[in-house]
Amino acid sequence: MSVYKKVVLVSGGTSGIGLGTIEYLLEQNSYEVISVSRSAENLSLAKKKLGPNASKVLFLQGDISKENDCNKIYEEIDKRFHKLDGLVNSAGITKLGGIEKQTLEDWNHSININLTGMFLLTKVLLPLLKKGANSSIVNISSVSSEKAGGSISYCTSKAGVDMLTKYMAQELGKYNIRVNSINPAAVYTNIYIASGDYTREEYDEWSEQKASSYPLGRIGDAKKDLAPTIELLLSDKTLWTTGARYIIDGGKSIAK
């Protein structure tokens, strides 16, 4: 007897939270996984990291802030699966600095990827999600959506993600599509290294210093700390949950 597997797309699925989520989903053996990334180099690195499991993932290259790329992603999924049961909007970037330091290019780049890209990819894939079984959208937001600091464009984009989540949850409920967000605090990823704000050594030092400010004594791990909640929201165990924000922050928000 064949086992039904949900078809799930993870944007930004070649590093950080996206890749950690894919690793976890593959271990559950209940999902057909699609990974989307702008970078051919990142796709290659992700395949190497996943090793033999890479053959279980459909890797697609595309910039989610570009409508033509999103349409091509749609066509590939429609051709292969004809539907989509889950979408994890994980693609995201950052650039440190406030209004005095950030350039218009910095601002536009962050808003385009973190917010517009999330809107656009979801909009384009919506017909496939309508065909899915108990379809679920999980948006990766941040505690920075409510607490200013670090990057003005990142914080603003994540505040937008929170409202986008609420609006889509309200609108798409009639299609039995759930929309929720997870809002993590600091998670060990390469986001600051990719932005050029830190070297790996500087980021490791920053992570160690940051850990002491968390009641649980460490910053987050994408696969261990975030992916299980993401998978829960994708699963049929949360069929009456929509429009919710899941704060996963190691206790940072209640720290003295």
Protein backbone atom coordinates (compact mmCIF):
# COMPACT_ATOMS: atom_id res chain seq x y z
CA MET A 1 0.00 0.00 0.00
CA SER A 2 1.44 3.36 -1.04
CA VAL A 3 1.86 6.04 1.61
CA TYR A 4 0.52 9.50 0.79
CA LYS A 5 3.23 12.12 0.96
CA LYS A 6 2.55 15.82 1.14
CA VAL A 7 4.28 17.91 -1.51
CA VAL A 8 6.06 20.82 0.16
CA LEU A 9 8.11 23.64 -1.33
CA VAL A 10 10.72 25.42 0.79
CA SER A 11 12.02 28.73 -0.55
CA GLY A 12 15.52 29.63 0.53
CA GLY A 13 15.93 25.88 0.85
CA THR A 14 19.68 25.68 0.37
CA SER A 15 20.89 27.23 3.63
CA GLY A 16 19.89 28.31 7.11
CA ILE A 17 16.33 27.73 8.27
CA GLY A 18 15.25 26.48 4.85
CA LEU A 19 17.89 23.76 4.60
CA GLY A 20 17.42 22.74 8.24
CA THR A 21 13.71 22.36 7.54
CA ILE A 22 14.35 20.21 4.49
CA GLU A 23 16.73 17.95 6.42
CA TYR A 24 14.06 17.46 9.08
CA LEU A 25 11.23 16.88 6.60
CA LEU A 26 13.23 14.19 4.80
CA GLU A 27 13.72 12.36 8.09
CA GLN A 28 9.94 12.18 8.59
CA ASN A 29 9.55 10.25 5.32
CA SER A 30 6.13 11.87 4.83
CA TYR A 31 6.98 14.61 2.34
CA GLU A 32 7.96 15.16 -1.26
CA VAL A 33 10.30 18.14 -0.93
CA ILE A 34 11.05 20.95 -3.37
CA SER A 35 13.92 23.35 -2.68
CA VAL A 36 14.09 26.77 -4.34
CA SER A 37 17.09 29.13 -4.35
CA ARG A 38 18.35 32.05 -6.44
CA SER A 39 21.92 30.79 -6.39
CA ALA A 40 23.24 27.90 -8.49
CA GLU A 41 26.24 27.77 -6.15
CA ASN A 42 24.00 27.40 -3.10
CA LEU A 43 22.02 24.66 -4.83
CA SER A 44 25.26 22.75 -5.45
CA LEU A 45 26.42 23.21 -1.84
CA ALA A 46 23.06 22.05 -0.49
CA LYS A 47 23.21 18.89 -2.59
CA LYS A 48 26.65 18.13 -1.17
CA LYS A 49 25.47 18.71 2.39
CA LEU A 50 22.42 16.48 1.98
CA GLY A 51 24.53 13.72 0.47
CA PRO A 52 22.47 10.69 -0.63
CA ASN A 53 19.27 12.43 0.52
CA ALA A 54 19.76 15.06 -2.20
CA SER A 55 18.23 12.62 -4.69
CA LYS A 56 14.96 12.84 -2.75
CA VAL A 57 14.68 16.62 -3.32
CA LEU A 58 13.55 18.50 -6.41
CA PHE A 59 15.94 21.46 -6.67
CA LEU A 60 14.73 24.50 -8.61
CA GLN A 61 16.63 27.72 -9.28
CA GLY A 62 14.72 30.99 -9.28
CA ASP A 63 14.45 34.49 -7.82
CA ILE A 64 11.14 34.65 -5.96
CA SER A 65 11.01 38.45 -6.32
CA LYS A 66 10.70 38.00 -10.12
CA GLU A 67 7.33 36.99 -11.54
CA ASN A 68 8.81 35.14 -14.52
CA ASP A 69 10.92 32.96 -12.21
CA CYS A 70 7.90 32.22 -10.00
CA ASN A 71 5.91 31.21 -13.07
CA LYS A 72 8.66 28.78 -14.11
CA ILE A 73 8.63 27.29 -10.60
CA TYR A 74 4.86 26.87 -10.90
CA GLU A 75 5.20 25.08 -14.24
CA GLU A 76 7.78 22.63 -12.91
CA ILE A 77 5.64 21.72 -9.90
CA ASP A 78 2.48 21.43 -11.95
CA LYS A 79 4.25 19.16 -14.43
CA ARG A 80 5.69 16.90 -11.73
CA PHE A 81 3.03 16.88 -8.99
CA HIS A 82 -0.03 18.77 -10.29
CA LYS A 83 -0.60 20.23 -6.80
CA LEU A 84 1.10 21.57 -3.67
CA ASP A 85 0.23 20.68 -0.06
CA GLY A 86 2.65 22.97 1.75
CA LEU A 87 4.69 26.12 1.25
CA VAL A 88 7.45 27.26 3.60
CA ASN A 89 8.37 30.85 2.79
CA SER A 90 11.88 30.78 4.21
CA ALA A 91 13.92 32.85 1.73
CA GLY A 92 15.35 35.90 3.46
CA ILE A 93 18.28 38.29 3.58
CA THR A 94 19.50 41.07 5.84
CA LYS A 95 21.87 44.03 5.85
CA LEU A 96 22.80 45.70 9.11
CA GLY A 97 22.18 49.39 9.57
CA GLY A 98 19.54 52.01 10.21
CA ILE A 99 18.16 54.84 8.09
CA GLU A 100 21.45 56.75 8.18
CA LYS A 101 23.58 53.83 7.03
CA GLN A 102 21.41 51.78 4.69
CA THR A 103 21.23 52.70 1.04
CA LEU A 104 18.08 52.62 -1.08
CA GLU A 105 19.56 49.54 -2.77
CA ASP A 106 19.93 47.82 0.64
CA TRP A 107 16.34 48.70 1.49
CA ASN A 108 14.84 47.60 -1.82
CA HIS A 109 16.78 44.34 -1.88
CA SER A 110 15.56 43.31 1.60
CA ILE A 111 11.94 44.31 0.97
CA ASN A 112 11.93 42.58 -2.45
CA ILE A 113 13.19 39.25 -1.11
CA ASN A 114 11.75 39.17 2.42
CA LEU A 115 8.28 40.56 1.71
CA THR A 116 7.47 41.05 -1.97
CA GLY A 117 8.97 37.67 -2.86
CA MET A 118 6.86 35.96 -0.20
CA PHE A 119 3.73 37.65 -1.55
CA LEU A 120 4.58 36.87 -5.17
CA LEU A 121 5.57 33.22 -4.75
CA THR A 122 2.45 32.51 -2.69
CA LYS A 123 0.22 34.29 -5.21
CA VAL A 124 1.65 32.37 -8.17
CA LEU A 125 1.50 28.99 -6.41
CA LEU A 126 -1.99 29.51 -4.98
CA PRO A 127 -3.78 27.47 -7.71
CA LEU A 128 -1.59 24.48 -6.80
CA LEU A 129 -2.21 24.97 -3.07
CA LYS A 130 -5.95 24.98 -3.72
CA LYS A 131 -5.53 21.48 -5.19
CA GLY A 132 -3.59 20.23 -2.17
CA ALA A 133 -4.86 18.24 0.80
CA ASN A 134 -5.30 20.43 3.91
CA SER A 135 -2.76 22.85 2.44
CA SER A 136 -0.63 24.90 4.79
CA ILE A 137 1.59 27.95 4.36
CA VAL A 138 4.30 28.66 6.93
CA ASN A 139 5.94 32.09 6.74
CA ILE A 140 9.30 32.62 8.41
CA SER A 141 9.08 35.91 10.25
CA SER A 142 11.17 37.07 13.23
CA VAL A 143 10.94 38.55 16.72
CA SER A 144 12.46 41.57 14.94
CA SER A 145 8.98 42.24 13.55
CA GLU A 146 8.14 43.80 16.93
CA LYS A 147 11.55 44.76 18.32
CA ALA A 148 13.59 47.34 16.41
CA GLY A 149 17.31 46.76 16.11
CA GLY A 150 20.04 45.57 13.79
CA SER A 151 18.55 46.34 10.39
CA ILE A 152 15.79 48.80 9.54
CA SER A 153 14.85 47.02 6.30
CA TYR A 154 14.86 43.56 7.89
CA CYS A 155 12.72 44.63 10.85
CA THR A 156 10.27 46.44 8.57
CA SER A 157 10.01 43.53 6.15
CA LYS A 158 9.32 41.08 8.97
CA ALA A 159 6.63 43.35 10.41
CA GLY A 160 5.10 43.18 6.94
CA VAL A 161 5.35 39.37 6.99
CA ASP A 162 3.28 39.27 10.19
CA MET A 163 0.48 41.27 8.60
CA LEU A 164 0.76 39.33 5.35
CA THR A 165 0.29 36.15 7.39
CA LYS A 166 -2.83 37.47 9.10
CA TYR A 167 -4.32 38.79 5.88
CA MET A 168 -3.70 35.59 3.91
CA ALA A 169 -5.05 33.46 6.77
CA GLN A 170 -8.25 35.48 6.74
CA GLU A 171 -8.59 35.39 2.95
CA LEU A 172 -7.58 31.79 2.22
CA GLY A 173 -9.53 30.04 4.95
CA LYS A 174 -12.41 29.55 2.53
CA TYR A 175 -10.12 27.26 0.52
CA ASN A 176 -9.16 25.32 3.65
CA ILE A 177 -5.63 26.76 3.38
CA ARG A 178 -3.98 27.54 6.70
CA VAL A 179 -1.42 30.34 7.02
CA ASN A 180 0.81 30.75 10.08
CA SER A 181 4.21 32.19 10.92
CA ILE A 182 7.11 31.27 13.13
CA ASN A 183 8.98 34.18 14.68
CA PRO A 184 12.41 33.09 15.87
CA ALA A 185 15.09 35.04 17.67
CA ALA A 186 18.73 34.56 16.65
CA VAL A 187 19.35 31.29 14.82
CA TYR A 188 22.77 30.04 13.75
CA THR A 189 22.74 30.55 9.96
CA ASN A 190 24.92 32.20 7.32
CA ILE A 191 22.63 35.22 6.82
CA TYR A 192 25.10 37.77 8.23
CA ILE A 193 28.01 36.19 6.39
CA ALA A 194 26.11 36.30 3.11
CA SER A 195 25.35 39.99 3.70
CA GLY A 196 29.03 40.75 4.22
CA ASP A 197 28.41 42.12 7.71
CA TYR A 198 30.48 39.40 9.43
CA THR A 199 33.17 36.91 8.59
CA ARG A 200 32.57 33.35 9.80
CA GLU A 201 34.98 33.91 12.70
CA GLU A 202 33.28 37.17 13.69
CA TYR A 203 29.86 35.55 13.47
CA ASP A 204 30.90 32.61 15.64
CA GLU A 205 32.22 35.04 18.25
CA TRP A 206 28.99 37.06 18.06
CA SER A 207 26.93 33.87 18.50
CA GLU A 208 28.88 32.88 21.61
CA GLN A 209 28.43 36.32 23.15
CA LYS A 210 24.73 36.37 22.28
CA ALA A 211 24.07 33.00 23.92
CA SER A 212 24.42 34.31 27.46
CA SER A 213 21.46 36.67 27.00
CA TYR A 214 19.07 33.74 26.40
CA PRO A 215 17.45 31.95 29.37
CA LEU A 216 18.16 28.61 27.63
CA GLY A 217 21.79 29.62 27.20
CA ARG A 218 22.16 29.39 23.43
CA ILE A 219 20.91 30.77 20.13
CA GLY A 220 18.69 28.59 17.96
CA ASP A 221 19.46 25.67 15.69
CA ALA A 222 17.40 25.59 12.49
CA LYS A 223 16.85 21.84 12.28
CA LYS A 224 16.57 21.07 15.97
CA ASP A 225 14.65 24.10 17.24
CA LEU A 226 12.58 25.48 14.34
CA ALA A 227 11.92 22.65 11.88
CA PRO A 228 9.77 20.55 14.26
CA THR A 229 7.30 23.42 14.68
CA ILE A 230 7.32 24.14 10.96
CA GLU A 231 6.57 20.46 10.29
CA LEU A 232 3.78 20.50 12.88
CA LEU A 233 2.12 23.40 11.07
CA LEU A 234 2.48 21.62 7.72
CA SER A 235 0.96 18.44 9.11
CA ASP A 236 -2.68 17.49 9.66
CA LYS A 237 -2.21 17.86 13.42
CA THR A 238 -2.96 21.60 13.25
CA LEU A 239 -6.06 21.66 11.05
CA TRP A 240 -7.77 24.37 13.14
CA THR A 241 -4.75 26.66 13.47
CA THR A 242 -4.42 29.67 11.20
CA GLY A 243 -3.30 33.28 11.50
CA ALA A 244 -1.06 32.39 14.45
CA ARG A 245 2.45 33.58 15.34
CA TYR A 246 4.72 31.02 16.97
CA ILE A 247 7.47 32.78 18.93
CA ILE A 248 10.46 30.44 19.14
CA ASP A 249 13.17 32.41 20.87
CA GLY A 250 14.88 30.40 23.62
CA GLY A 251 13.18 32.67 26.14
CA LYS A 252 14.78 35.84 24.77
CA SER A 253 11.53 37.79 24.98
CA ILE A 254 11.20 37.13 28.70
CA ALA A 255 14.87 37.67 29.55
CA LYS A 256 15.70 40.22 32.24
